[in-house]
Protein backbone atom coordinates (compact mmCIF):
# COMPACT_ATOMS: atom_id res chain seq x y z
CA UNK A 1 -13.11 -19.47 -35.64
CA UNK A 2 -12.34 -16.02 -34.52
CA UNK A 3 -12.28 -15.43 -30.96
CA UNK A 4 -9.23 -13.38 -30.30
CA UNK A 5 -7.55 -13.59 -26.70
CA UNK A 6 -4.19 -12.17 -26.35
CA UNK A 7 -1.96 -12.52 -23.50
CA UNK A 8 -2.56 -11.07 -20.35
CA UNK A 9 -6.28 -10.88 -21.74
CA UNK A 10 -7.49 -14.57 -22.37
CA UNK A 11 -7.94 -15.92 -18.79
CA UNK A 12 -9.12 -12.75 -17.32
CA UNK A 13 -13.05 -13.86 -16.21
CA UNK A 14 -14.63 -11.10 -14.67
CA UNK A 15 -16.62 -7.87 -15.10
CA UNK A 16 -18.21 5.57 -13.61
CA UNK A 17 -19.98 6.48 -15.49
CA UNK A 18 -18.92 8.80 -18.60
CA UNK A 19 -19.79 11.54 -19.69
CA UNK A 20 -20.80 12.42 -23.50
CA UNK A 21 -17.16 14.30 -24.33
CA UNK A 22 -17.09 15.66 -28.00
CA UNK A 23 -13.84 16.72 -28.63
CA UNK A 24 -12.88 18.75 -31.68
CA UNK A 25 -9.36 18.19 -31.47
CA UNK A 26 -6.13 16.35 -29.82
CA UNK A 27 -5.47 18.83 -27.08
CA UNK A 28 -9.12 17.93 -25.75
CA UNK A 29 -8.74 14.43 -26.51
CA UNK A 30 -5.60 14.42 -24.01
CA UNK A 31 -7.42 16.11 -21.44
CA UNK A 32 -9.98 13.17 -20.92
CA UNK A 33 -7.12 11.62 -19.79
CA UNK A 34 -4.68 13.53 -17.70
CA UNK A 35 -4.63 16.78 -19.51
CA UNK A 36 -1.08 17.20 -18.65
CA UNK A 37 2.02 18.35 -20.56
CA UNK A 38 4.53 15.39 -20.53
CA UNK A 39 1.56 12.92 -20.43
CA UNK A 40 2.74 9.92 -22.74
CA UNK A 41 -1.05 9.87 -23.74
CA UNK A 42 -1.03 13.73 -24.61
CA UNK A 43 2.32 13.60 -26.41
CA UNK A 44 0.78 10.62 -28.75
CA UNK A 45 -1.91 13.26 -29.19
CA UNK A 46 -0.43 15.94 -30.46
CA UNK A 47 1.90 13.56 -32.76
CA UNK A 48 -1.05 12.49 -34.67
CA UNK A 49 -2.89 16.05 -34.57
CA UNK A 50 -4.66 16.73 -38.26
CA UNK A 51 -4.22 19.77 -40.12
CA UNK A 52 -6.33 22.84 -39.53
CA UNK A 53 -10.25 21.85 -40.61
CA UNK A 54 -10.05 18.22 -39.95
CA UNK A 55 -12.74 16.09 -38.07
CA UNK A 56 -11.15 15.01 -34.67
CA UNK A 57 -14.02 13.96 -32.76
CA UNK A 58 -14.20 11.74 -29.68
CA UNK A 59 -17.95 11.27 -28.03
CA UNK A 60 -21.04 9.24 -27.28
CA UNK A 61 -24.09 8.33 -29.60
CA UNK A 62 -27.15 7.12 -28.19
CA UNK A 63 -27.14 3.49 -30.10
CA UNK A 64 -29.86 0.88 -29.58
CA UNK A 65 -30.86 2.45 -26.46
CA UNK A 66 -27.71 3.34 -24.44
CA UNK A 67 -25.01 5.42 -25.00
CA UNK A 68 -22.16 4.21 -27.10
CA UNK A 69 -18.51 5.38 -28.09
CA UNK A 70 -17.01 6.45 -31.24
CA UNK A 71 -13.80 7.95 -32.29
CA UNK A 72 -13.97 9.97 -35.58
CA UNK A 73 -10.56 11.21 -37.66
CA UNK A 74 -9.80 12.43 -40.86
CA UNK A 75 -8.24 15.20 -42.39
CA UNK A 76 -10.84 16.61 -44.72
CA UNK A 77 -14.49 16.19 -44.27
CA UNK A 78 -14.99 15.83 -48.18
CA UNK A 79 -13.12 12.10 -47.45
CA UNK A 80 -15.50 9.38 -47.74
CA UNK A 81 -16.08 7.27 -44.01
CA UNK A 82 -14.84 4.55 -43.08
CA UNK A 83 -16.16 2.77 -40.35
CA UNK A 84 -14.05 -0.30 -38.08
CA UNK A 85 -15.91 -2.65 -36.57
CA UNK A 86 -13.86 -4.09 -33.64
CA UNK A 87 -13.40 -7.87 -33.01
CA UNK A 88 -12.96 -9.99 -29.71
CA UNK A 89 -15.79 -9.93 -29.13
CA UNK A 90 -15.15 -7.37 -26.57
CA UNK A 91 -11.68 -6.26 -28.00
CA UNK A 92 -12.27 -2.22 -29.02
CA UNK A 93 -9.98 -1.22 -31.81
CA UNK A 94 -9.80 1.93 -30.92
CA UNK A 95 -6.99 2.24 -27.94
CA UNK A 96 -4.67 0.90 -30.33
CA UNK A 97 -5.95 2.50 -33.66
CA UNK A 98 -3.30 4.95 -32.97
CA UNK A 99 -0.66 2.94 -34.13
CA UNK A 100 -1.75 2.50 -37.54
CA UNK A 101 -4.39 4.99 -38.53
CA UNK A 102 -3.39 8.16 -39.02
CA UNK A 103 -1.88 7.76 -42.24
CA UNK A 104 -5.25 6.40 -42.85
CA UNK A 105 -6.83 9.48 -42.26
CA UNK A 106 -5.31 11.21 -45.03
CA UNK A 107 -7.49 9.49 -47.36
CA UNK A 108 -10.61 8.38 -45.60
CA UNK A 109 -12.80 9.84 -42.21
CA UNK A 110 -12.12 7.01 -39.72
CA UNK A 111 -14.59 6.27 -37.35
CA UNK A 112 -13.70 3.49 -34.52
CA UNK A 113 -16.77 1.94 -32.28
CA UNK A 114 -16.73 0.58 -29.32
CA UNK A 115 -19.26 -2.07 -29.25
CA UNK A 116 -21.58 -3.21 -25.88
CA UNK A 117 -19.57 -4.43 -23.15
CA UNK A 118 -16.22 -3.23 -24.85
CA UNK A 119 -13.88 -0.60 -23.80
CA UNK A 120 -15.26 3.03 -23.36
CA UNK A 121 -18.79 2.06 -23.64
CA UNK A 122 -18.10 -0.59 -20.79
CA UNK A 123 -17.13 2.52 -18.91
CA UNK A 124 -20.15 4.38 -19.67
CA UNK A 125 -22.13 1.18 -18.46
CA UNK A 126 -20.66 1.37 -14.95
CA UNK A 127 -18.77 -1.99 -16.03
CA UNK A 128 -22.32 -3.90 -15.77
CA UNK A 129 -22.60 -6.38 -18.80
CA UNK A 130 -25.85 -5.98 -21.03
CA UNK A 131 -28.53 -8.50 -20.58
CA UNK A 132 -29.40 -7.50 -24.22
CA UNK A 133 -26.22 -8.54 -25.80
CA UNK A 134 -26.93 -11.06 -28.81
CA UNK A 135 -25.85 -10.98 -32.29
CA UNK A 136 -28.62 -9.81 -33.42
CA UNK A 137 -28.29 -6.58 -31.12
CA UNK A 138 -25.31 -5.63 -31.68
CA UNK A 139 -25.80 -5.74 -36.00
CA UNK A 140 -28.63 -3.38 -35.09
CA UNK A 141 -26.43 -1.47 -33.31
CA UNK A 142 -24.06 -1.80 -36.15
CA UNK A 143 -27.02 -0.65 -38.83
CA UNK A 144 -28.05 2.04 -36.68
CA UNK A 145 -24.38 3.56 -36.53
CA UNK A 146 -24.02 3.43 -40.20
CA UNK A 147 -27.17 5.25 -40.66
CA UNK A 148 -26.24 7.98 -37.87
CA UNK A 149 -22.63 8.25 -39.34
CA UNK A 150 -24.30 9.08 -43.39
CA UNK A 151 -26.74 12.15 -41.74
CA UNK A 152 -24.44 13.42 -39.21
CA UNK A 153 -21.94 13.68 -42.01
CA UNK A 154 -24.18 13.96 -44.86
CA UNK A 155 -22.62 11.02 -46.58
CA UNK A 156 -24.74 8.41 -49.41
CA UNK A 157 -22.86 5.43 -48.42
CA UNK A 158 -19.84 4.36 -46.11
CA UNK A 159 -17.19 2.11 -46.56
CA UNK A 160 -17.57 -1.03 -43.40
CA UNK A 161 -14.51 -2.72 -42.71
CA UNK A 162 -14.97 -5.79 -40.65
CA UNK A 163 -12.36 -7.31 -38.26
CA UNK A 164 -12.97 -10.94 -36.96
CA UNK A 165 -15.79 -10.86 -34.73
CA UNK A 166 -16.38 -7.70 -36.65
CA UNK A 167 -16.65 -9.51 -39.90
CA UNK A 168 -19.40 -11.43 -38.78
CA UNK A 169 -21.15 -8.42 -38.13
CA UNK A 170 -19.93 -6.75 -41.63
CA UNK A 171 -21.19 -9.52 -43.77
CA UNK A 172 -24.54 -9.25 -41.93
CA UNK A 173 -24.69 -5.48 -42.52
CA UNK A 174 -23.73 -6.01 -45.95
CA UNK A 175 -26.23 -8.39 -46.72
CA UNK A 176 -28.81 -6.45 -44.98
CA UNK A 177 -28.45 -2.43 -45.93
CA UNK A 178 -26.36 -3.17 -49.00
CA UNK A 179 -27.14 0.04 -50.03
CA UNK A 180 -25.67 2.38 -47.30
CA UNK A 181 -22.08 0.67 -48.44
CA UNK A 182 -20.15 1.76 -51.56
CA UNK A 183 -18.13 -1.87 -50.45
CA UNK A 184 -17.43 -4.37 -47.61
CA UNK A 185 -13.98 -4.77 -46.09
CA UNK A 186 -13.44 -8.16 -44.38
CA UNK A 187 -10.16 -8.55 -42.19
CA UNK A 188 -9.82 -11.98 -40.65
CA UNK A 189 -12.81 -12.87 -41.96
CA UNK A 190 -14.95 -15.56 -40.48
CA UNK A 191 -16.86 -17.83 -43.04
CA UNK A 192 -18.39 -20.82 -40.75
CA UNK A 193 -17.40 -20.70 -36.85
CA UNK A 194 -16.82 -24.17 -36.20
CA UNK A 195 -14.99 -24.63 -39.70
CA UNK A 196 -12.97 -21.97 -38.59
CA UNK A 197 -12.00 -23.53 -35.57
CA UNK A 198 -11.12 -27.04 -37.19
CA UNK A 199 -8.87 -25.50 -39.80
CA UNK A 200 -7.58 -22.98 -37.19
CA UNK A 201 -7.03 -26.09 -35.04
CA UNK A 202 -5.07 -27.96 -37.48
CA UNK A 203 -2.98 -25.38 -39.10
CA UNK A 204 -1.46 -24.46 -35.40
CA UNK A 205 -1.11 -28.10 -34.36
CA UNK A 206 0.71 -28.61 -37.94
CA UNK A 207 3.02 -25.42 -36.91
CA UNK A 208 3.93 -26.68 -33.89
CA UNK A 209 5.27 -30.09 -35.50
CA UNK A 210 6.99 -28.14 -37.92
CA UNK A 211 9.06 -25.95 -35.55
CA UNK A 212 9.35 -29.08 -33.04
CA UNK A 213 7.37 -27.28 -30.44
CA UNK A 214 6.88 -30.72 -28.01
CA UNK A 215 5.12 -28.61 -25.66
CA UNK A 216 2.76 -27.10 -28.09
CA UNK A 217 2.12 -30.46 -29.70
CA UNK A 218 1.23 -32.13 -26.94
CA UNK A 219 -1.03 -29.51 -25.70
CA UNK A 220 -2.76 -29.33 -28.88
CA UNK A 221 -2.74 -33.01 -29.31
CA UNK A 222 -4.65 -33.36 -25.68
CA UNK A 223 -7.37 -30.82 -26.83
CA UNK A 224 -8.35 -33.73 -29.47
CA UNK A 225 -11.29 -33.92 -30.87
CA UNK A 226 -11.61 -30.13 -31.14
CA UNK A 227 -13.93 -29.09 -31.46
CA UNK A 228 -15.76 -31.82 -29.83
CA UNK A 229 -18.73 -32.92 -32.05
CA UNK A 230 -21.73 -32.79 -31.33
CA UNK A 231 -21.22 -30.79 -28.51
CA UNK A 232 -21.72 -26.84 -27.76
CA UNK A 233 -17.86 -25.60 -28.33
CA UNK A 234 -16.31 -25.12 -25.27
CA UNK A 235 -15.08 -21.68 -23.93
CA UNK A 236 -12.11 -23.49 -22.01
CA UNK A 237 -11.00 -25.66 -24.76
CA UNK A 238 -11.09 -22.40 -27.33
CA UNK A 239 -8.88 -20.42 -24.89
CA UNK A 240 -6.37 -23.36 -24.26
CA UNK A 241 -6.12 -23.62 -28.34
CA UNK A 242 -5.47 -19.63 -28.52
CA UNK A 243 -2.86 -19.56 -26.36
CA UNK A 244 -0.72 -21.81 -28.70
CA UNK A 245 -1.76 -19.94 -31.66
CA UNK A 246 -0.27 -17.08 -30.37
CA UNK A 247 2.91 -18.93 -29.10
CA UNK A 248 3.31 -20.32 -32.51
CA UNK A 249 2.88 -16.80 -34.48
CA UNK A 250 -0.83 -17.38 -35.97
CA UNK A 251 -2.31 -14.18 -34.16
CA UNK A 252 0.44 -11.65 -34.61
CA UNK A 253 2.90 -13.08 -37.05
CA UNK A 254 6.64 -13.54 -35.90
CA UNK A 255 5.65 -13.16 -32.52
CA UNK A 256 4.52 -15.17 -29.58
CA UNK A 257 3.10 -12.67 -27.23
CA UNK A 258 1.13 -9.24 -28.21
CA UNK A 259 1.12 -6.84 -25.41
CA UNK A 260 -1.72 -4.93 -26.23
CA UNK A 261 -1.88 -3.14 -22.93
CA UNK A 262 1.14 -1.37 -23.69
CA UNK A 263 -0.41 -0.02 -26.73
CA UNK A 264 -3.63 1.15 -24.37
CA UNK A 265 -1.52 2.84 -22.19
CA UNK A 266 -0.83 5.00 -24.46
CA UNK A 267 -3.90 5.81 -26.17
CA UNK A 268 -5.18 9.25 -26.61
CA UNK A 269 -8.53 8.12 -26.86
CA UNK A 270 -8.87 5.95 -23.11
CA UNK A 271 -7.55 6.80 -19.18
CA UNK A 272 -6.66 4.24 -17.61
CA UNK A 273 -9.84 3.48 -16.37
CA UNK A 274 -10.91 2.73 -19.64
CA UNK A 275 -8.01 0.22 -20.35
CA UNK A 276 -9.07 -1.42 -17.43
CA UNK A 277 -12.69 -1.57 -18.64
CA UNK A 278 -11.61 -2.87 -22.14
CA UNK A 279 -10.07 -5.91 -20.32
CA UNK A 280 -12.99 -6.76 -18.35
CA UNK A 281 -15.47 -6.54 -20.69
CA UNK A 282 -13.68 -9.21 -22.68
CA UNK A 283 -15.62 -12.41 -21.01
CA UNK A 284 -18.86 -11.08 -20.77
CA UNK A 285 -18.61 -10.32 -24.30
CA UNK A 286 -17.30 -13.49 -25.62
CA UNK A 287 -19.75 -15.59 -22.92
CA UNK A 288 -22.89 -14.13 -24.00
CA UNK A 289 -22.10 -14.46 -28.14
CA UNK A 290 -19.91 -17.65 -28.16
CA UNK A 291 -23.19 -19.77 -29.37
CA UNK A 292 -24.16 -17.50 -32.41
CA UNK A 293 -20.38 -16.97 -33.32
CA UNK A 294 -20.35 -20.75 -33.06
CA UNK A 295 -23.14 -21.08 -34.96
CA UNK A 296 -22.26 -19.19 -37.66
CA UNK A 297 -22.29 -20.35 -41.14
CA UNK A 298 -22.18 -18.02 -44.60
CA UNK A 299 -21.81 -21.17 -46.97
CA UNK A 300 -25.11 -20.01 -48.25
CA UNK A 301 -24.72 -16.49 -48.63
CA UNK A 302 -22.62 -15.63 -51.55
CA UNK A 303 -24.59 -12.81 -53.32
CA UNK A 304 -23.70 -9.63 -52.41
CA UNK A 305 -25.41 -6.01 -53.83
CA UNK A 306 -21.98 -4.25 -52.61
CA UNK A 307 -18.36 -4.92 -53.74
CA UNK A 308 -16.31 -6.98 -51.42
CA UNK A 309 -13.03 -6.84 -50.30
CA UNK A 310 -11.27 -9.30 -48.28
CA UNK A 311 -7.24 -8.69 -46.35
CA UNK A 312 -6.27 -11.93 -45.43
CA UNK A 313 -2.70 -12.83 -43.76
CA UNK A 314 -0.37 -15.28 -45.07
CA UNK A 315 -0.33 -16.89 -41.63
CA UNK A 316 -3.63 -16.05 -40.20
CA UNK A 317 -4.50 -19.62 -38.04
CA UNK A 318 -7.06 -17.34 -36.15
CA UNK A 319 -9.60 -16.83 -38.79
CA UNK A 320 -7.60 -19.30 -41.18
CA UNK A 321 -6.44 -17.35 -44.66
CA UNK A 322 -7.78 -21.04 -46.48
CA UNK A 323 -10.73 -20.97 -45.28
CA UNK A 324 -11.44 -17.07 -46.70
CA UNK A 325 -9.84 -17.57 -49.89
CA UNK A 326 -12.29 -20.65 -50.60
CA UNK A 327 -15.34 -18.85 -49.66
CA UNK A 328 -14.55 -15.69 -51.52
CA UNK A 329 -13.62 -17.48 -54.65
CA UNK A 330 -17.35 -18.78 -54.67
CA UNK A 331 -18.84 -15.00 -53.77
CA UNK A 332 -20.88 -13.01 -56.35
CA UNK A 333 -20.85 -9.26 -55.93
CA UNK A 334 -20.34 -6.19 -58.04
CA UNK A 335 -16.70 -6.04 -58.01
CA UNK A 336 -14.29 -8.00 -55.54
CA UNK A 337 -10.79 -8.50 -54.89
CA UNK A 338 -8.79 -11.02 -52.60
CA UNK A 339 -5.56 -9.30 -51.16
CA UNK A 340 -3.11 -12.21 -49.40
CA UNK A 341 -0.50 -10.14 -47.27
CA UNK A 342 2.78 -11.08 -46.87
CA UNK A 343 4.40 -11.47 -43.21
CA UNK A 344 1.10 -10.65 -41.35
CA UNK A 345 -1.19 -12.96 -39.90
CA UNK A 346 -4.44 -11.93 -38.21
CA UNK A 347 -3.95 -8.33 -36.91
CA UNK A 348 -2.96 -7.32 -40.92
CA UNK A 349 -4.54 -3.67 -40.15
CA UNK A 350 -1.47 -3.22 -37.48
CA UNK A 351 0.76 -5.43 -39.13
CA UNK A 352 1.05 -4.62 -42.78
CA UNK A 353 -0.90 -1.26 -41.86
CA UNK A 354 1.20 0.36 -45.05
CA UNK A 355 0.44 -2.72 -47.32
CA UNK A 356 -3.21 -2.33 -46.68
CA UNK A 357 -3.61 1.32 -47.18
CA UNK A 358 -1.95 1.22 -50.50
CA UNK A 359 -4.51 -1.56 -51.56
CA UNK A 360 -7.32 0.49 -49.67
CA UNK A 361 -6.48 3.54 -52.08
CA UNK A 362 -6.13 1.88 -54.78
CA UNK A 363 -8.95 -0.56 -55.43
CA UNK A 364 -11.27 0.43 -52.57
CA UNK A 365 -11.33 4.43 -52.27
CA UNK A 366 -11.91 4.86 -55.90
CA UNK A 367 -15.40 3.27 -55.12
CA UNK A 368 -16.63 6.18 -53.28
CA UNK A 369 -18.34 8.29 -55.74
CA UNK A 370 -19.47 12.23 -54.30
CA UNK A 371 -23.03 11.79 -55.28
CA UNK A 372 -25.89 14.03 -53.44
CA UNK A 373 -25.24 14.03 -49.86
CA UNK A 374 -28.13 12.76 -47.26
CA UNK A 375 -30.34 15.31 -46.22
CA UNK A 376 -30.03 15.67 -42.42
């Protein structure tokens, strides 16, 4: 399916109220972390400085009745907005976006959003799991955020990019609110929750056999049948399968581990407290949303009223590229294109950020027309 358990986060089971801190520059972002000259987060912030007149804002917005954190960055306010919906669920992209996003910000105003029970938003909730966490609630949050961004920045439409779990929300929003979008962009696209699990497991087992990893073969075969037919998807089995998916490079190409905590520790947008919140929010999110994710089925949703673009790493076995391609071939949209990325797995935007950006600029960006701005 789509759940992404990353090493050191996979077995975490557990669960400061943050003030709204609008920031107009990277120095203020760093101050939200430590404010000390020479601090790694400060150094990264300075290296990513935007030109004068750009947008560089880190703030809370009230969505669905609670404070939720967003980062908004772009070199030119006239550029179109691209909202990134992170995966997991509960696994924010904001604290690692610094590793790939800066070149994107010359062409788009990029918005990162920490969803309910994720990252800085989980910090703002005093790390208390949200009892209202359902797929419908998070979709409503996403739609509210899209509309808020349109009005806040005077844009008629925006681009929406959904990754992994975020691609479920992305498709749902694209189907419900096409009039707000220039295009929907799926990365690690989820199509059918159970089929994603079946195919991903089969491909991971085949890879274990191909490379002669006997330990992986034995462990994966011990999970059979996977998933259990006629029974709810087992979180225990998902975690076990993801362990080998990661170890065999199906999560990040060519790597048997993904030390995301090292990346988060350098983020100008996060504090050490936020780093811990991001870890602690994963399990509550997964436990709350697993049934809905398993039940996801877009097989009959083949008609879109907004352009659709899908990026797939050729070695993605977390959300198998083969499943995404089969779905793409059957959808109808005003425009569509499928990008199959070499030497990439599930984290295409991290693994091949330049390739993704070139395709975005060449094929996606031209769909943004200035048009009349949305009234405030």
